[in-house]
Amino acid sequence: DGSAGTKGNVMDAIKENALTADVIFACGPMPMLRAI
């Protein structure tokens, strides 16, 4: 709902903050895991 941080999901937060990584560890709902 955009009430805190990036409006959207964790993938949007990666884009908004221009983040990069070598490895990902994740847990969450299936749509999130598919996107990851």
Full PDB file with SEQRES, HELIX, SHEET, SSBOND, CRYST1, ORIGX, SCALE, CONECT and MASTER records, all heavy atoms in Angstrom:
SEQRES   1 A   36  ASP GLY SER ALA GLY THR LYS GLY ASN VAL MET ASP ALA          
SEQRES   2 A   36  ILE LYS GLU ASN ALA LEU THR ALA ASP VAL ILE PHE ALA          
SEQRES   3 A   36  CYS GLY PRO MET PRO MET LEU ARG ALA ILE                      
HELIX    1 AA1 VAL A   10  GLU A   16  1                                   7    
HELIX    2 AA2 MET A   30  ALA A   35  1                                   6    
CRYST1    1.000    1.000    1.000  90.00  90.00  90.00 P 1           1          
ORIGX1      1.000000  0.000000  0.000000        0.00000                         
ORIGX2      0.000000  1.000000  0.000000        0.00000                         
ORIGX3      0.000000  0.000000  1.000000        0.00000                         
SCALE1      1.000000  0.000000  0.000000        0.00000                         
SCALE2      0.000000  1.000000  0.000000        0.00000                         
SCALE3      0.000000  0.000000  1.000000        0.00000                         
ATOM      1  N   ASP A   1       0.808  -1.228   0.000  1.00  0.00           N  
ATOM      2  CA  ASP A   1       0.000   0.000   0.000  1.00  0.00           C  
ATOM      3  C   ASP A   1       0.839   1.274   0.000  1.00  0.00           C  
ATOM      4  O   ASP A   1       0.300   2.382   0.013  1.00  0.00           O  
ATOM      5  CB  ASP A   1      -0.976   0.002   1.187  1.00  0.00           C  
ATOM      6  CG  ASP A   1      -0.260   0.059   2.541  1.00  0.00           C  
ATOM      7  OD1 ASP A   1       0.990   0.113   2.575  1.00  0.00           O  
ATOM      8  OD2 ASP A   1      -0.968   0.052   3.568  1.00  0.00           O  
ATOM      9  N   GLY A   2       2.170   1.128  -0.013  1.00  0.00           N  
ATOM     10  CA  GLY A   2       3.045   2.290  -0.065  1.00  0.00           C  
ATOM     11  C   GLY A   2       3.162   3.063   1.228  1.00  0.00           C  
ATOM     12  O   GLY A   2       3.712   4.168   1.249  1.00  0.00           O  
ATOM     13  N   SER A   3       2.708   2.501   2.336  1.00  0.00           N  
ATOM     14  CA  SER A   3       2.723   3.216   3.611  1.00  0.00           C  
ATOM     15  C   SER A   3       4.111   3.277   4.241  1.00  0.00           C  
ATOM     16  O   SER A   3       4.348   4.084   5.137  1.00  0.00           O  
ATOM     17  CB  SER A   3       1.740   2.565   4.591  1.00  0.00           C  
ATOM     18  OG  SER A   3       2.046   1.192   4.780  1.00  0.00           O  
ATOM     19  N   ALA A   4       5.032   2.459   3.785  1.00  0.00           N  
ATOM     20  CA  ALA A   4       6.416   2.501   4.284  1.00  0.00           C  
ATOM     21  C   ALA A   4       7.350   1.981   3.199  1.00  0.00           C  
ATOM     22  O   ALA A   4       6.998   1.063   2.447  1.00  0.00           O  
ATOM     23  CB  ALA A   4       6.561   1.667   5.558  1.00  0.00           C  
ATOM     24  N   GLY A   5       8.516   2.592   3.108  1.00  0.00           N  
ATOM     25  CA  GLY A   5       9.508   2.133   2.147  1.00  0.00           C  
ATOM     26  C   GLY A   5       9.042   2.254   0.706  1.00  0.00           C  
ATOM     27  O   GLY A   5       8.302   3.169   0.337  1.00  0.00           O  
ATOM     28  N   THR A   6       9.468   1.294  -0.109  1.00  0.00           N  
ATOM     29  CA  THR A   6       9.104   1.267  -1.526  1.00  0.00           C  
ATOM     30  C   THR A   6       7.661   0.801  -1.688  1.00  0.00           C  
ATOM     31  O   THR A   6       7.239  -0.162  -1.047  1.00  0.00           O  
ATOM     32  CB  THR A   6      10.039   0.293  -2.285  1.00  0.00           C  
ATOM     33  OG1 THR A   6      11.391   0.749  -2.162  1.00  0.00           O  
ATOM     34  CG2 THR A   6       9.663   0.206  -3.755  1.00  0.00           C  
ATOM     35  N   LYS A   7       6.913   1.464  -2.540  1.00  0.00           N  
ATOM     36  CA  LYS A   7       5.552   0.991  -2.845  1.00  0.00           C  
ATOM     37  C   LYS A   7       5.662  -0.165  -3.831  1.00  0.00           C  
ATOM     38  O   LYS A   7       6.210  -0.025  -4.919  1.00  0.00           O  
ATOM     39  CB  LYS A   7       4.702   2.108  -3.448  1.00  0.00           C  
ATOM     40  CG  LYS A   7       3.269   1.659  -3.785  1.00  0.00           C  
ATOM     41  CD  LYS A   7       2.425   2.808  -4.288  1.00  0.00           C  
ATOM     42  CE  LYS A   7       1.056   2.339  -4.779  1.00  0.00           C  
ATOM     43  NZ  LYS A   7       0.307   1.567  -3.777  1.00  0.00           N  
ATOM     44  N   GLY A   8       5.159  -1.317  -3.413  1.00  0.00           N  
ATOM     45  CA  GLY A   8       5.252  -2.501  -4.263  1.00  0.00           C  
ATOM     46  C   GLY A   8       5.773  -3.690  -3.491  1.00  0.00           C  
ATOM     47  O   GLY A   8       5.390  -3.900  -2.342  1.00  0.00           O  
ATOM     48  N   ASN A   9       6.686  -4.451  -4.110  1.00  0.00           N  
ATOM     49  CA  ASN A   9       7.225  -5.647  -3.477  1.00  0.00           C  
ATOM     50  C   ASN A   9       8.741  -5.584  -3.383  1.00  0.00           C  
ATOM     51  O   ASN A   9       9.353  -4.571  -3.724  1.00  0.00           O  
ATOM     52  CB  ASN A   9       6.773  -6.894  -4.247  1.00  0.00           C  
ATOM     53  CG  ASN A   9       7.163  -6.835  -5.720  1.00  0.00           C  
ATOM     54  OD1 ASN A   9       8.258  -6.398  -6.076  1.00  0.00           O  
ATOM     55  ND2 ASN A   9       6.260  -7.264  -6.589  1.00  0.00           N  
ATOM     56  N   VAL A  10       9.332  -6.672  -2.916  1.00  0.00           N  
ATOM     57  CA  VAL A  10      10.789  -6.666  -2.703  1.00  0.00           C  
ATOM     58  C   VAL A  10      11.568  -6.499  -4.001  1.00  0.00           C  
ATOM     59  O   VAL A  10      12.662  -5.928  -4.000  1.00  0.00           O  
ATOM     60  CB  VAL A  10      11.239  -7.944  -1.963  1.00  0.00           C  
ATOM     61  CG1 VAL A  10      10.812  -7.914  -0.503  1.00  0.00           C  
ATOM     62  CG2 VAL A  10      10.728  -9.210  -2.649  1.00  0.00           C  
ATOM     63  N   MET A  11      11.020  -6.957  -5.113  1.00  0.00           N  
ATOM     64  CA  MET A  11      11.695  -6.756  -6.389  1.00  0.00           C  
ATOM     65  C   MET A  11      11.715  -5.283  -6.760  1.00  0.00           C  
ATOM     66  O   MET A  11      12.704  -4.777  -7.314  1.00  0.00           O  
ATOM     67  CB  MET A  11      11.009  -7.580  -7.487  1.00  0.00           C  
ATOM     68  CG  MET A  11      10.926  -9.074  -7.208  1.00  0.00           C  
ATOM     69  SD  MET A  11      12.528  -9.820  -6.762  1.00  0.00           S  
ATOM     70  CE  MET A  11      13.474  -9.523  -8.247  1.00  0.00           C  
ATOM     71  N   ASP A  12      10.636  -4.574  -6.438  1.00  0.00           N  
ATOM     72  CA  ASP A  12      10.603  -3.132  -6.677  1.00  0.00           C  
ATOM     73  C   ASP A  12      11.633  -2.408  -5.814  1.00  0.00           C  
ATOM     74  O   ASP A  12      12.234  -1.412  -6.244  1.00  0.00           O  
ATOM     75  CB  ASP A  12       9.200  -2.584  -6.383  1.00  0.00           C  
ATOM     76  CG  ASP A  12       8.138  -3.143  -7.312  1.00  0.00           C  
ATOM     77  OD1 ASP A  12       8.392  -3.180  -8.531  1.00  0.00           O  
ATOM     78  OD2 ASP A  12       7.069  -3.557  -6.816  1.00  0.00           O  
ATOM     79  N   ALA A  13      11.841  -2.915  -4.590  1.00  0.00           N  
ATOM     80  CA  ALA A  13      12.833  -2.304  -3.696  1.00  0.00           C  
ATOM     81  C   ALA A  13      14.248  -2.483  -4.233  1.00  0.00           C  
ATOM     82  O   ALA A  13      15.092  -1.588  -4.100  1.00  0.00           O  
ATOM     83  CB  ALA A  13      12.721  -2.903  -2.293  1.00  0.00           C  
ATOM     84  N   ILE A  14      14.517  -3.622  -4.864  1.00  0.00           N  
ATOM     85  CA  ILE A  14      15.822  -3.831  -5.490  1.00  0.00           C  
ATOM     86  C   ILE A  14      16.056  -2.786  -6.576  1.00  0.00           C  
ATOM     87  O   ILE A  14      17.119  -2.153  -6.648  1.00  0.00           O  
ATOM     88  CB  ILE A  14      15.918  -5.254  -6.085  1.00  0.00           C  
ATOM     89  CG1 ILE A  14      16.016  -6.297  -4.972  1.00  0.00           C  
ATOM     90  CG2 ILE A  14      17.132  -5.362  -7.016  1.00  0.00           C  
ATOM     91  CD1 ILE A  14      16.001  -7.733  -5.474  1.00  0.00           C  
ATOM     92  N   LYS A  15      15.045  -2.596  -7.423  1.00  0.00           N  
ATOM     93  CA  LYS A  15      15.178  -1.644  -8.533  1.00  0.00           C  
ATOM     94  C   LYS A  15      15.304  -0.210  -8.024  1.00  0.00           C  
ATOM     95  O   LYS A  15      16.163   0.551  -8.490  1.00  0.00           O  
ATOM     96  CB  LYS A  15      13.970  -1.767  -9.458  1.00  0.00           C  
ATOM     97  CG  LYS A  15      13.850  -3.114 -10.140  1.00  0.00           C  
ATOM     98  CD  LYS A  15      12.538  -3.226 -10.909  1.00  0.00           C  
ATOM     99  CE  LYS A  15      12.336  -4.615 -11.475  1.00  0.00           C  
ATOM    100  NZ  LYS A  15      11.007  -4.773 -12.119  1.00  0.00           N  
ATOM    101  N   GLU A  16      14.449   0.161  -7.083  1.00  0.00           N  
ATOM    102  CA  GLU A  16      14.441   1.538  -6.595  1.00  0.00           C  
ATOM    103  C   GLU A  16      15.758   1.926  -5.941  1.00  0.00           C  
ATOM    104  O   GLU A  16      16.204   3.077  -6.055  1.00  0.00           O  
ATOM    105  CB  GLU A  16      13.295   1.723  -5.600  1.00  0.00           C  
ATOM    106  CG  GLU A  16      13.179   3.148  -5.062  1.00  0.00           C  
ATOM    107  CD  GLU A  16      11.915   3.346  -4.250  1.00  0.00           C  
ATOM    108  OE1 GLU A  16      10.848   3.537  -4.857  1.00  0.00           O  
ATOM    109  OE2 GLU A  16      12.008   3.307  -3.005  1.00  0.00           O  
ATOM    110  N   ASN A  17      16.390   0.978  -5.273  1.00  0.00           N  
ATOM    111  CA  ASN A  17      17.637   1.269  -4.560  1.00  0.00           C  
ATOM    112  C   ASN A  17      18.885   0.828  -5.317  1.00  0.00           C  
ATOM    113  O   ASN A  17      19.992   0.914  -4.774  1.00  0.00           O  
ATOM    114  CB  ASN A  17      17.600   0.598  -3.187  1.00  0.00           C  
ATOM    115  CG  ASN A  17      16.521   1.177  -2.291  1.00  0.00           C  
ATOM    116  OD1 ASN A  17      16.690   2.247  -1.723  1.00  0.00           O  
ATOM    117  ND2 ASN A  17      15.402   0.467  -2.159  1.00  0.00           N  
ATOM    118  N   ALA A  18      18.704   0.346  -6.554  1.00  0.00           N  
ATOM    119  CA  ALA A  18      19.812  -0.080  -7.421  1.00  0.00           C  
ATOM    120  C   ALA A  18      20.739  -1.053  -6.706  1.00  0.00           C  
ATOM    121  O   ALA A  18      21.964  -0.891  -6.689  1.00  0.00           O  
ATOM    122  CB  ALA A  18      20.598   1.146  -7.911  1.00  0.00           C  
ATOM    123  N   LEU A  19      20.162  -2.082  -6.118  1.00  0.00           N  
ATOM    124  CA  LEU A  19      20.920  -3.041  -5.329  1.00  0.00           C  
ATOM    125  C   LEU A  19      21.417  -4.198  -6.194  1.00  0.00           C  
ATOM    126  O   LEU A  19      20.784  -4.583  -7.168  1.00  0.00           O  
ATOM    127  CB  LEU A  19      20.049  -3.598  -4.191  1.00  0.00           C  
ATOM    128  CG  LEU A  19      19.453  -2.573  -3.229  1.00  0.00           C  
ATOM    129  CD1 LEU A  19      18.561  -3.259  -2.214  1.00  0.00           C  
ATOM    130  CD2 LEU A  19      20.561  -1.785  -2.523  1.00  0.00           C  
ATOM    131  N   THR A  20      22.564  -4.750  -5.800  1.00  0.00           N  
ATOM    132  CA  THR A  20      23.111  -5.926  -6.474  1.00  0.00           C  
ATOM    133  C   THR A  20      23.601  -6.917  -5.423  1.00  0.00           C  
ATOM    134  O   THR A  20      23.875  -6.552  -4.284  1.00  0.00           O  
ATOM    135  CB  THR A  20      24.289  -5.557  -7.396  1.00  0.00           C  
ATOM    136  OG1 THR A  20      25.328  -4.943  -6.608  1.00  0.00           O  
ATOM    137  CG2 THR A  20      23.847  -4.599  -8.490  1.00  0.00           C  
ATOM    138  N   ALA A  21      23.700  -8.180  -5.839  1.00  0.00           N  
ATOM    139  CA  ALA A  21      24.167  -9.218  -4.923  1.00  0.00           C  
ATOM    140  C   ALA A  21      24.742 -10.384  -5.703  1.00  0.00           C  
ATOM    141  O   ALA A  21      24.488 -10.534  -6.908  1.00  0.00           O  
ATOM    142  CB  ALA A  21      23.024  -9.694  -4.025  1.00  0.00           C  
ATOM    143  N   ASP A  22      25.511 -11.214  -5.001  1.00  0.00           N  
ATOM    144  CA  ASP A  22      26.088 -12.422  -5.592  1.00  0.00           C  
ATOM    145  C   ASP A  22      25.204 -13.642  -5.359  1.00  0.00           C  
ATOM    146  O   ASP A  22      25.206 -14.583  -6.158  1.00  0.00           O  
ATOM    147  CB  ASP A  22      27.463 -12.708  -4.984  1.00  0.00           C  
ATOM    148  CG  ASP A  22      28.418 -11.542  -5.100  1.00  0.00           C  
ATOM    149  OD1 ASP A  22      28.507 -10.974  -6.202  1.00  0.00           O  
ATOM    150  OD2 ASP A  22      29.075 -11.196  -4.096  1.00  0.00           O  
ATOM    151  N   VAL A  23      24.486 -13.650  -4.243  1.00  0.00           N  
ATOM    152  CA  VAL A  23      23.674 -14.798  -3.831  1.00  0.00           C  
ATOM    153  C   VAL A  23      22.368 -14.277  -3.241  1.00  0.00           C  
ATOM    154  O   VAL A  23      22.339 -13.188  -2.651  1.00  0.00           O  
ATOM    155  CB  VAL A  23      24.412 -15.671  -2.785  1.00  0.00           C  
ATOM    156  CG1 VAL A  23      23.566 -16.881  -2.388  1.00  0.00           C  
ATOM    157  CG2 VAL A  23      25.765 -16.123  -3.306  1.00  0.00           C  
ATOM    158  N   ILE A  24      21.299 -15.054  -3.395  1.00  0.00           N  
ATOM    159  CA  ILE A  24      20.000 -14.706  -2.818  1.00  0.00           C  
ATOM    160  C   ILE A  24      19.529 -15.836  -1.907  1.00  0.00           C  
ATOM    161  O   ILE A  24      19.591 -17.012  -2.284  1.00  0.00           O  
ATOM    162  CB  ILE A  24      18.940 -14.474  -3.910  1.00  0.00           C  
ATOM    163  CG1 ILE A  24      19.311 -13.273  -4.786  1.00  0.00           C  
ATOM    164  CG2 ILE A  24      17.548 -14.271  -3.287  1.00  0.00           C  
ATOM    165  CD1 ILE A  24      18.411 -13.108  -6.006  1.00  0.00           C  
ATOM    166  N   PHE A  25      19.043 -15.472  -0.731  1.00  0.00           N  
ATOM    167  CA  PHE A  25      18.321 -16.384   0.149  1.00  0.00           C  
ATOM    168  C   PHE A  25      16.934 -15.775   0.359  1.00  0.00           C  
ATOM    169  O   PHE A  25      16.829 -14.608   0.743  1.00  0.00           O  
ATOM    170  CB  PHE A  25      19.022 -16.545   1.503  1.00  0.00           C  
ATOM    171  CG  PHE A  25      20.365 -17.212   1.440  1.00  0.00           C  
ATOM    172  CD1 PHE A  25      21.493 -16.582   1.953  1.00  0.00           C  
ATOM    173  CD2 PHE A  25      20.514 -18.463   0.880  1.00  0.00           C  
ATOM    174  CE1 PHE A  25      22.736 -17.184   1.925  1.00  0.00           C  
ATOM    175  CE2 PHE A  25      21.751 -19.081   0.823  1.00  0.00           C  
ATOM    176  CZ  PHE A  25      22.870 -18.449   1.345  1.00  0.00           C  
ATOM    177  N   ALA A  26      15.871 -16.555   0.142  1.00  0.00           N  
ATOM    178  CA  ALA A  26      14.539 -15.958   0.181  1.00  0.00           C  
ATOM    179  C   ALA A  26      13.487 -16.902   0.732  1.00  0.00           C  
ATOM    180  O   ALA A  26      13.585 -18.129   0.590  1.00  0.00           O  
ATOM    181  CB  ALA A  26      14.127 -15.509  -1.221  1.00  0.00           C  
ATOM    182  N   CYS A  27      12.458 -16.311   1.343  1.00  0.00           N  
ATOM    183  CA  CYS A  27      11.283 -17.045   1.805  1.00  0.00           C  
ATOM    184  C   CYS A  27      10.072 -16.131   1.673  1.00  0.00           C  
ATOM    185  O   CYS A  27      10.136 -14.961   2.060  1.00  0.00           O  
ATOM    186  CB  CYS A  27      11.454 -17.489   3.257  1.00  0.00           C  
ATOM    187  SG  CYS A  27      10.084 -18.500   3.867  1.00  0.00           S  
ATOM    188  N   GLY A  28       8.985 -16.663   1.125  1.00  0.00           N  
ATOM    189  CA  GLY A  28       7.806 -15.834   0.961  1.00  0.00           C  
ATOM    190  C   GLY A  28       6.765 -16.520   0.114  1.00  0.00           C  
ATOM    191  O   GLY A  28       6.899 -17.710  -0.230  1.00  0.00           O  
ATOM    192  N   PRO A  29       5.725 -15.808  -0.286  1.00  0.00           N  
ATOM    193  CA  PRO A  29       4.658 -16.399  -1.097  1.00  0.00           C  
ATOM    194  C   PRO A  29       5.161 -16.771  -2.487  1.00  0.00           C  
ATOM    195  O   PRO A  29       6.167 -16.240  -2.976  1.00  0.00           O  
ATOM    196  CB  PRO A  29       3.610 -15.289  -1.154  1.00  0.00           C  
ATOM    197  CG  PRO A  29       4.365 -14.032  -0.887  1.00  0.00           C  
ATOM    198  CD  PRO A  29       5.471 -14.404   0.045  1.00  0.00           C  
ATOM    199  N   MET A  30       4.455 -17.690  -3.131  1.00  0.00           N  
ATOM    200  CA  MET A  30       4.909 -18.237  -4.404  1.00  0.00           C  
ATOM    201  C   MET A  30       5.120 -17.178  -5.491  1.00  0.00           C  
ATOM    202  O   MET A  30       6.122 -17.257  -6.225  1.00  0.00           O  
ATOM    203  CB  MET A  30       3.937 -19.316  -4.882  1.00  0.00           C  
ATOM    204  CG  MET A  30       4.499 -20.169  -5.993  1.00  0.00           C  
ATOM    205  SD  MET A  30       6.039 -21.052  -5.508  1.00  0.00           S  
ATOM    206  CE  MET A  30       5.356 -22.305  -4.415  1.00  0.00           C  
ATOM    207  N   PRO A  31       4.246 -16.174  -5.663  1.00  0.00           N  
ATOM    208  CA  PRO A  31       4.523 -15.168  -6.699  1.00  0.00           C  
ATOM    209  C   PRO A  31       5.865 -14.456  -6.484  1.00  0.00           C  
ATOM    210  O   PRO A  31       6.583 -14.170  -7.447  1.00  0.00           O  
ATOM    211  CB  PRO A  31       3.348 -14.196  -6.566  1.00  0.00           C  
ATOM    212  CG  PRO A  31       2.245 -15.021  -5.987  1.00  0.00           C  
ATOM    213  CD  PRO A  31       2.922 -15.960  -5.039  1.00  0.00           C  
ATOM    214  N   MET A  32       6.197 -14.187  -5.231  1.00  0.00           N  
ATOM    215  CA  MET A  32       7.476 -13.561  -4.921  1.00  0.00           C  
ATOM    216  C   MET A  32       8.633 -14.482  -5.296  1.00  0.00           C  
ATOM    217  O   MET A  32       9.626 -14.055  -5.915  1.00  0.00           O  
ATOM    218  CB  MET A  32       7.534 -13.221  -3.431  1.00  0.00           C  
ATOM    219  CG  MET A  32       8.903 -12.818  -2.922  1.00  0.00           C  
ATOM    220  SD  MET A  32       8.891 -12.580  -1.124  1.00  0.00           S  
ATOM    221  CE  MET A  32      10.621 -12.924  -0.743  1.00  0.00           C  
ATOM    222  N   LEU A  33       8.515 -15.770  -4.962  1.00  0.00           N  
ATOM    223  CA  LEU A  33       9.601 -16.713  -5.248  1.00  0.00           C  
ATOM    224  C   LEU A  33       9.759 -16.928  -6.754  1.00  0.00           C  
ATOM    225  O   LEU A  33      10.884 -17.076  -7.243  1.00  0.00           O  
ATOM    226  CB  LEU A  33       9.344 -18.040  -4.537  1.00  0.00           C  
ATOM    227  CG  LEU A  33       9.300 -17.980  -3.013  1.00  0.00           C  
ATOM    228  CD1 LEU A  33       9.082 -19.378  -2.433  1.00  0.00           C  
ATOM    229  CD2 LEU A  33      10.567 -17.356  -2.429  1.00  0.00           C  
ATOM    230  N   ARG A  34       8.654 -16.915  -7.483  1.00  0.00           N  
ATOM    231  CA  ARG A  34       8.752 -17.030  -8.950  1.00  0.00           C  
ATOM    232  C   ARG A  34       9.493 -15.838  -9.536  1.00  0.00           C  
ATOM    233  O   ARG A  34      10.320 -15.996 -10.443  1.00  0.00           O  
ATOM    234  CB  ARG A  34       7.352 -17.133  -9.566  1.00  0.00           C  
ATOM    235  CG  ARG A  34       6.632 -18.435  -9.272  1.00  0.00           C  
ATOM    236  CD  ARG A  34       5.400 -18.575 -10.158  1.00  0.00           C  
ATOM    237  NE  ARG A  34       4.635 -19.764  -9.796  1.00  0.00           N  
ATOM    238  CZ  ARG A  34       3.497 -19.754  -9.109  1.00  0.00           C  
ATOM    239  NH1 ARG A  34       2.967 -18.594  -8.720  1.00  0.00           N  
ATOM    240  NH2 ARG A  34       2.873 -20.875  -8.821  1.00  0.00           N  
ATOM    241  N   ALA A  35       9.191 -14.646  -9.019  1.00  0.00           N  
ATOM    242  CA  ALA A  35       9.862 -13.442  -9.513  1.00  0.00           C  
ATOM    243  C   ALA A  35      11.349 -13.484  -9.186  1.00  0.00           C  
ATOM    244  O   ALA A  35      12.194 -13.077 -10.003  1.00  0.00           O  
ATOM    245  CB  ALA A  35       9.213 -12.202  -8.899  1.00  0.00           C  
ATOM    246  N   ILE A  36      11.690 -13.978  -7.994  1.00  0.00           N  
ATOM    247  CA  ILE A  36      13.094 -14.083  -7.597  1.00  0.00           C  
ATOM    248  C   ILE A  36      13.822 -15.102  -8.465  1.00  0.00           C  
ATOM    249  O   ILE A  36      14.956 -14.858  -8.907  1.00  0.00           O  
ATOM    250  CB  ILE A  36      13.197 -14.454  -6.106  1.00  0.00           C  
ATOM    251  CG1 ILE A  36      12.773 -13.259  -5.248  1.00  0.00           C  
ATOM    252  CG2 ILE A  36      14.617 -14.899  -5.750  1.00  0.00           C  
ATOM    253  CD1 ILE A  36      12.633 -13.591  -3.771  1.00  0.00           C  
TER     254      ILE A  36                                                      
MASTER        0    0    0    2    0    0    0    6  253    1    0    3          
END                                                                             
